[in-house]
Amino acid sequence: MLGRTHYKVGIAVYIVLTIAFSTSGINLLKIMNSNFNITIMGIFAAAIGGLFPDVDSKHSLVNQKNPLSKIILKTMEVTGALANFLFVGVFIILIFGIIFALTQHLKLSKEIYVMALLVGLLFLSFSVMRKFYKFVSINIVHIVYIIIGTTIVAYNFLYVNDIGIYLIAILLMIMTFFKHRTFTHSIEAWLAFSFGAIHIASKFHHTDVGVAFSLGYFSHLYLADFLTVEGVSISFLFYTLHKKRIIKNKFFKTIISLLGKKHSLKLMKTGSDAGNRFELVYTVIWALLAVGSFLLTTQVI
């Protein structure tokens, strides 16, 4: 499904389940000594959680709205435009310099060789810079999350020194190197990032915000993408084993196939006209459930 659907459904799921748990007397966070109520931070965390599994895609909403991606690409664009301007200017100056030198000397002087060398170096540096810009543009997602992960590692080393934060930072740095809808769309990633979000949020005495992120993440996988033609696999580990066909035993192959294959209800195709209409209706249904839950709660109170 599209990003705009994922974050809306994530928020709605957070609201519906929060109200359901609070009215039923079930407190998921009782053992953590934290309240589980609807908050602005919780809504924001649920929205981020709803978008987060698509971090492995350059074109996803979560990456398009990532300010660090925008800063890096904008810097590269400005640098590229400035380099183009300087390249043209210096190139023109050098060409005129060579022409002038040729008109002044019948024989090739050392100045002409120097100018020719400068022109060659200019072309080489411009070519290298263009390739570097292309490399950054193609790998912007990897670069962004490596920077984020490295920053977290450095901060954690200097001020916190928490093993859990180290593990999350490492996951952030490597997660984008997997294909779309593989690792980040698995139960392992959901559990890992849910643990990370709850662990970090608990340090600020807002465990409920971490849970909100987890609910948003869950909604992306099993209440949204599971409905699409593309589907999601249950386990990344078993997905990898299924793809590599390492196991030969029939019984284990069946288990691996069951847990590793991508499953879906095939109700819609992302990006199609019919799919867009389905997403609109699906979003409205979840919005009505959220509003209905809220109104029901106020009546009970």
Protein backbone atom coordinates (compact mmCIF):
# COMPACT_ATOMS: atom_id res chain seq x y z
CA MET A 1 0.00 0.00 0.00
CA LEU A 2 0.99 3.63 -0.37
CA GLY A 3 2.63 5.63 2.41
CA ARG A 4 -0.35 7.89 2.94
CA THR A 5 -2.47 4.82 3.72
CA HIS A 6 0.11 3.22 5.98
CA TYR A 7 0.48 6.13 8.39
CA LYS A 8 -3.27 6.77 8.56
CA VAL A 9 -4.03 3.11 9.27
CA GLY A 10 -1.19 3.04 11.79
CA ILE A 11 -2.72 5.96 13.70
CA ALA A 12 -6.22 4.46 13.55
CA VAL A 13 -5.00 1.05 14.79
CA TYR A 14 -3.18 2.76 17.66
CA ILE A 15 -6.32 4.68 18.68
CA VAL A 16 -8.66 1.68 18.37
CA LEU A 17 -6.41 -0.71 20.31
CA THR A 18 -5.51 1.86 22.96
CA ILE A 19 -9.20 2.48 23.65
CA ALA A 20 -9.97 -1.25 23.50
CA PHE A 21 -7.28 -2.08 26.06
CA SER A 22 -8.13 0.82 28.36
CA THR A 23 -11.89 0.10 28.41
CA SER A 24 -11.42 -3.64 28.87
CA GLY A 25 -9.16 -3.13 31.87
CA ILE A 26 -6.19 -4.77 30.13
CA ASN A 27 -3.00 -2.78 30.70
CA LEU A 28 -0.22 -4.00 28.42
CA LEU A 29 2.26 -1.80 30.20
CA LYS A 30 1.38 -2.61 33.79
CA ILE A 31 4.58 -4.54 34.33
CA MET A 32 6.49 -1.53 32.95
CA ASN A 33 4.77 0.94 35.27
CA SER A 34 3.51 3.03 32.37
CA ASN A 35 0.10 4.28 31.35
CA PHE A 36 -1.35 3.35 27.99
CA ASN A 37 -3.37 6.37 26.86
CA ILE A 38 -3.81 8.21 23.57
CA THR A 39 -1.25 11.02 23.31
CA ILE A 40 0.09 13.32 20.59
CA MET A 41 3.48 11.62 20.86
CA GLY A 42 1.77 8.24 20.59
CA ILE A 43 -0.08 9.30 17.43
CA PHE A 44 3.16 10.57 15.91
CA ALA A 45 5.01 7.35 16.88
CA ALA A 46 2.23 5.19 15.41
CA ALA A 47 2.44 7.15 12.14
CA ILE A 48 6.22 6.66 12.01
CA GLY A 49 5.78 2.98 12.82
CA GLY A 50 3.23 2.69 10.02
CA LEU A 51 5.75 4.09 7.54
CA PHE A 52 8.96 2.59 8.92
CA PRO A 53 8.98 -0.85 7.20
CA ASP A 54 9.40 0.93 3.86
CA VAL A 55 12.77 2.45 4.81
CA ASP A 56 14.33 -0.06 2.41
CA SER A 57 12.77 1.77 -0.54
CA LYS A 58 14.23 5.03 -1.89
CA HIS A 59 10.82 6.14 -3.16
CA SER A 60 8.88 5.51 0.06
CA LEU A 61 7.16 8.34 1.89
CA VAL A 62 9.29 7.88 5.00
CA ASN A 63 12.46 8.46 2.98
CA GLN A 64 11.06 11.25 0.82
CA LYS A 65 10.12 13.16 3.98
CA ASN A 66 13.38 12.37 5.76
CA PRO A 67 15.02 15.79 6.29
CA LEU A 68 18.54 14.33 6.22
CA SER A 69 17.95 12.85 2.74
CA LYS A 70 16.69 16.22 1.52
CA ILE A 71 19.68 18.08 3.00
CA ILE A 72 22.23 15.73 1.42
CA LEU A 73 20.57 15.71 -2.01
CA LYS A 74 20.03 19.49 -1.95
CA THR A 75 23.66 20.04 -1.01
CA MET A 76 24.73 17.80 -3.87
CA GLU A 77 22.45 19.66 -6.29
CA VAL A 78 23.81 23.07 -5.23
CA THR A 79 27.38 21.77 -5.34
CA GLY A 80 26.74 20.26 -8.76
CA ALA A 81 25.27 23.50 -10.13
CA LEU A 82 28.21 25.50 -8.74
CA ALA A 83 30.66 22.99 -10.20
CA ASN A 84 28.97 23.26 -13.60
CA PHE A 85 29.32 27.05 -13.49
CA LEU A 86 32.98 26.90 -12.44
CA PHE A 87 33.73 24.20 -15.00
CA VAL A 88 32.32 26.25 -17.90
CA GLY A 89 34.03 29.43 -16.68
CA VAL A 90 37.46 27.89 -16.15
CA PHE A 91 37.18 25.89 -19.38
CA ILE A 92 36.47 29.04 -21.41
CA ILE A 93 39.36 30.88 -19.76
CA LEU A 94 41.75 28.00 -20.49
CA ILE A 95 40.64 27.70 -24.12
CA PHE A 96 41.15 31.43 -24.70
CA GLY A 97 44.50 31.15 -22.92
CA ILE A 98 45.62 28.36 -25.23
CA ILE A 99 44.45 30.24 -28.32
CA PHE A 100 46.29 33.34 -27.13
CA ALA A 101 49.43 31.33 -26.47
CA LEU A 102 49.25 29.74 -29.94
CA THR A 103 48.93 33.13 -31.60
CA GLN A 104 51.91 34.47 -29.70
CA HIS A 105 54.27 31.55 -30.20
CA LEU A 106 55.02 29.61 -33.34
CA LYS A 107 56.47 26.83 -31.23
CA LEU A 108 54.63 25.04 -28.42
CA SER A 109 55.80 26.56 -25.18
CA LYS A 110 55.62 25.09 -21.70
CA GLU A 111 52.63 27.34 -20.96
CA ILE A 112 50.60 25.51 -23.61
CA TYR A 113 51.48 22.14 -22.11
CA VAL A 114 50.47 23.38 -18.66
CA MET A 115 47.15 24.72 -19.99
CA ALA A 116 46.43 21.46 -21.83
CA LEU A 117 47.18 19.56 -18.61
CA LEU A 118 44.80 21.83 -16.66
CA VAL A 119 42.03 21.22 -19.21
CA GLY A 120 42.56 17.46 -18.89
CA LEU A 121 42.52 17.62 -15.09
CA LEU A 122 39.39 19.77 -15.21
CA PHE A 123 37.57 17.23 -17.35
CA LEU A 124 38.74 14.41 -15.09
CA SER A 125 37.66 16.14 -11.87
CA PHE A 126 34.30 17.07 -13.39
CA SER A 127 33.74 13.48 -14.50
CA VAL A 128 34.66 12.14 -11.05
CA MET A 129 32.36 14.66 -9.37
CA ARG A 130 29.42 13.71 -11.61
CA LYS A 131 29.96 10.03 -10.86
CA PHE A 132 30.16 10.80 -7.14
CA TYR A 133 26.90 12.73 -7.32
CA LYS A 134 25.28 9.84 -9.20
CA PHE A 135 26.59 7.40 -6.57
CA VAL A 136 25.18 9.50 -3.73
CA SER A 137 21.80 9.88 -5.49
CA ILE A 138 21.49 6.13 -6.06
CA ASN A 139 22.67 5.17 -2.57
CA ILE A 140 21.13 8.06 -0.62
CA VAL A 141 19.02 5.73 1.57
CA HIS A 142 22.06 3.65 2.60
CA ILE A 143 24.10 6.78 3.27
CA VAL A 144 21.38 8.43 5.38
CA TYR A 145 20.85 5.47 7.69
CA ILE A 146 24.57 4.78 8.00
CA ILE A 147 24.96 8.41 9.15
CA ILE A 148 22.02 8.06 11.57
CA GLY A 149 23.31 4.74 12.93
CA THR A 150 26.87 6.04 13.30
CA THR A 151 25.63 9.14 15.11
CA ILE A 152 23.62 6.99 17.52
CA VAL A 153 26.64 4.75 18.15
CA ALA A 154 28.85 7.77 18.88
CA TYR A 155 26.29 9.37 21.21
CA ASN A 156 25.65 6.08 22.97
CA PHE A 157 29.39 5.50 23.44
CA LEU A 158 29.95 8.97 24.88
CA TYR A 159 26.90 9.36 27.11
CA VAL A 160 24.79 6.21 27.59
CA ASN A 161 26.73 3.03 26.74
CA ASP A 162 23.62 0.85 26.39
CA ILE A 163 23.98 -2.46 24.54
CA GLY A 164 20.38 -2.32 23.31
CA ILE A 165 20.96 1.04 21.63
CA TYR A 166 24.12 -0.32 19.96
CA LEU A 167 22.09 -3.19 18.47
CA ILE A 168 19.40 -0.85 17.14
CA ALA A 169 22.04 1.43 15.61
CA ILE A 170 23.59 -1.56 13.81
CA LEU A 171 20.17 -2.61 12.51
CA LEU A 172 19.56 0.91 11.20
CA MET A 173 22.86 0.82 9.32
CA ILE A 174 22.32 -2.55 7.63
CA MET A 175 18.53 -2.73 7.10
CA THR A 176 18.47 -0.77 3.83
CA PHE A 177 20.87 -3.21 2.13
CA PHE A 178 18.16 -5.86 1.99
CA LYS A 179 15.66 -5.99 -0.86
CA HIS A 180 12.30 -4.27 -0.44
CA ARG A 181 9.69 -6.29 1.44
CA THR A 182 12.21 -8.71 2.88
CA PHE A 183 13.91 -8.02 6.23
CA THR A 184 11.96 -4.92 7.30
CA HIS A 185 8.72 -6.71 6.35
CA SER A 186 9.32 -9.68 8.65
CA ILE A 187 8.36 -10.65 12.16
CA GLU A 188 12.07 -10.52 13.17
CA ALA A 189 12.31 -6.85 12.15
CA TRP A 190 9.00 -6.02 13.85
CA LEU A 191 10.16 -7.60 17.11
CA ALA A 192 13.64 -6.05 16.89
CA PHE A 193 12.50 -2.51 16.16
CA SER A 194 9.60 -2.78 18.62
CA PHE A 195 12.08 -3.77 21.31
CA GLY A 196 14.31 -0.86 20.30
CA ALA A 197 11.49 1.68 20.29
CA ILE A 198 10.12 0.50 23.65
CA HIS A 199 13.60 0.28 25.16
CA ILE A 200 14.55 3.81 24.11
CA ALA A 201 11.12 5.27 24.97
CA SER A 202 11.27 3.70 28.46
CA LYS A 203 14.46 5.64 29.18
CA PHE A 204 12.40 8.82 28.78
CA HIS A 205 9.54 7.32 30.86
CA HIS A 206 7.26 7.07 27.81
CA THR A 207 7.07 3.34 27.16
CA ASP A 208 3.61 3.91 25.66
CA VAL A 209 5.22 5.80 22.77
CA GLY A 210 7.36 2.76 21.97
CA VAL A 211 4.27 0.55 22.04
CA ALA A 212 2.51 2.99 19.70
CA PHE A 213 5.41 2.66 17.25
CA SER A 214 5.14 -1.13 17.49
CA LEU A 215 1.40 -1.06 16.76
CA GLY A 216 1.98 1.16 13.74
CA TYR A 217 4.70 -1.19 12.48
CA PHE A 218 2.42 -4.21 12.98
CA SER A 219 -0.40 -2.52 11.06
CA HIS A 220 1.90 -1.95 8.09
CA LEU A 221 2.79 -5.63 7.80
CA TYR A 222 -0.30 -7.55 8.76
CA LEU A 223 -3.19 -5.10 8.39
CA ALA A 224 -2.05 -3.44 5.15
CA ASP A 225 0.64 -5.13 3.02
CA PHE A 226 -0.82 -8.55 3.82
CA LEU A 227 -3.88 -7.50 1.80
CA THR A 228 -1.86 -6.64 -1.32
CA VAL A 229 -0.93 -8.90 -4.23
CA GLU A 230 2.77 -8.59 -3.30
CA GLY A 231 2.18 -9.89 0.23
CA VAL A 232 4.69 -10.37 3.05
CA SER A 233 6.63 -13.34 4.36
CA ILE A 234 6.26 -14.33 8.00
CA SER A 235 9.96 -14.78 8.72
CA PHE A 236 13.02 -13.28 7.03
CA LEU A 237 15.17 -16.20 8.18
CA PHE A 238 12.85 -18.74 6.60
CA TYR A 239 12.38 -16.50 3.56
CA THR A 240 16.16 -16.61 3.01
CA LEU A 241 16.30 -20.39 3.51
CA HIS A 242 13.36 -20.79 1.13
CA LYS A 243 15.10 -18.70 -1.56
CA LYS A 244 18.48 -20.41 -1.17
CA ARG A 245 16.92 -23.92 -1.16
CA ILE A 246 19.54 -25.14 1.29
CA ILE A 247 17.33 -27.60 3.18
CA LYS A 248 16.60 -30.88 1.38
CA ASN A 249 14.47 -32.68 3.96
CA LYS A 250 10.82 -32.66 2.76
CA PHE A 251 9.31 -31.99 6.19
CA PHE A 252 11.59 -29.05 6.93
CA LYS A 253 11.19 -27.78 3.37
CA THR A 254 7.44 -27.65 3.95
CA ILE A 255 7.87 -25.70 7.18
CA ILE A 256 10.37 -23.35 5.56
CA SER A 257 8.07 -22.83 2.58
CA LEU A 258 5.12 -22.07 4.87
CA LEU A 259 7.03 -19.50 6.92
CA GLY A 260 9.28 -18.20 4.16
CA LYS A 261 6.90 -17.72 1.24
CA LYS A 262 5.12 -14.41 0.85
CA HIS A 263 1.48 -14.66 1.90
CA SER A 264 -1.34 -12.31 1.01
CA LEU A 265 -5.10 -12.03 0.64
CA LYS A 266 -4.54 -10.53 -2.85
CA LEU A 267 -7.31 -7.97 -2.40
CA MET A 268 -5.55 -5.14 -4.24
CA LYS A 269 -2.50 -4.12 -6.25
CA THR A 270 -0.51 -1.12 -5.01
CA GLY A 271 -0.51 1.83 -7.41
CA SER A 272 -3.38 0.66 -9.61
CA ASP A 273 -6.62 2.64 -9.93
CA ALA A 274 -8.59 -0.15 -8.29
CA GLY A 275 -5.91 -0.37 -5.60
CA ASN A 276 -6.13 3.37 -4.90
CA ARG A 277 -9.91 3.12 -4.53
CA PHE A 278 -9.51 0.15 -2.20
CA GLU A 279 -7.00 2.05 -0.06
CA LEU A 280 -9.35 5.02 0.20
CA VAL A 281 -12.24 2.84 1.37
CA TYR A 282 -9.97 0.89 3.71
CA THR A 283 -8.66 4.10 5.27
CA VAL A 284 -12.18 5.43 5.76
CA ILE A 285 -13.21 2.18 7.48
CA TRP A 286 -10.32 2.45 9.93
CA ALA A 287 -11.07 6.14 10.50
CA LEU A 288 -14.69 5.29 11.31
CA LEU A 289 -13.54 2.57 13.70
CA ALA A 290 -11.24 5.05 15.46
CA VAL A 291 -13.94 7.73 15.73
CA GLY A 292 -16.53 5.15 16.78
CA SER A 293 -14.23 3.79 19.48
CA PHE A 294 -13.63 7.29 20.80
CA LEU A 295 -17.34 8.17 20.86
CA LEU A 296 -18.20 4.85 22.51
CA THR A 297 -15.63 5.55 25.21
CA THR A 298 -17.04 9.02 25.96
CA GLN A 299 -20.53 7.52 26.30
CA VAL A 300 -19.27 4.83 28.68
CA ILE A 301 -17.55 7.48 30.79
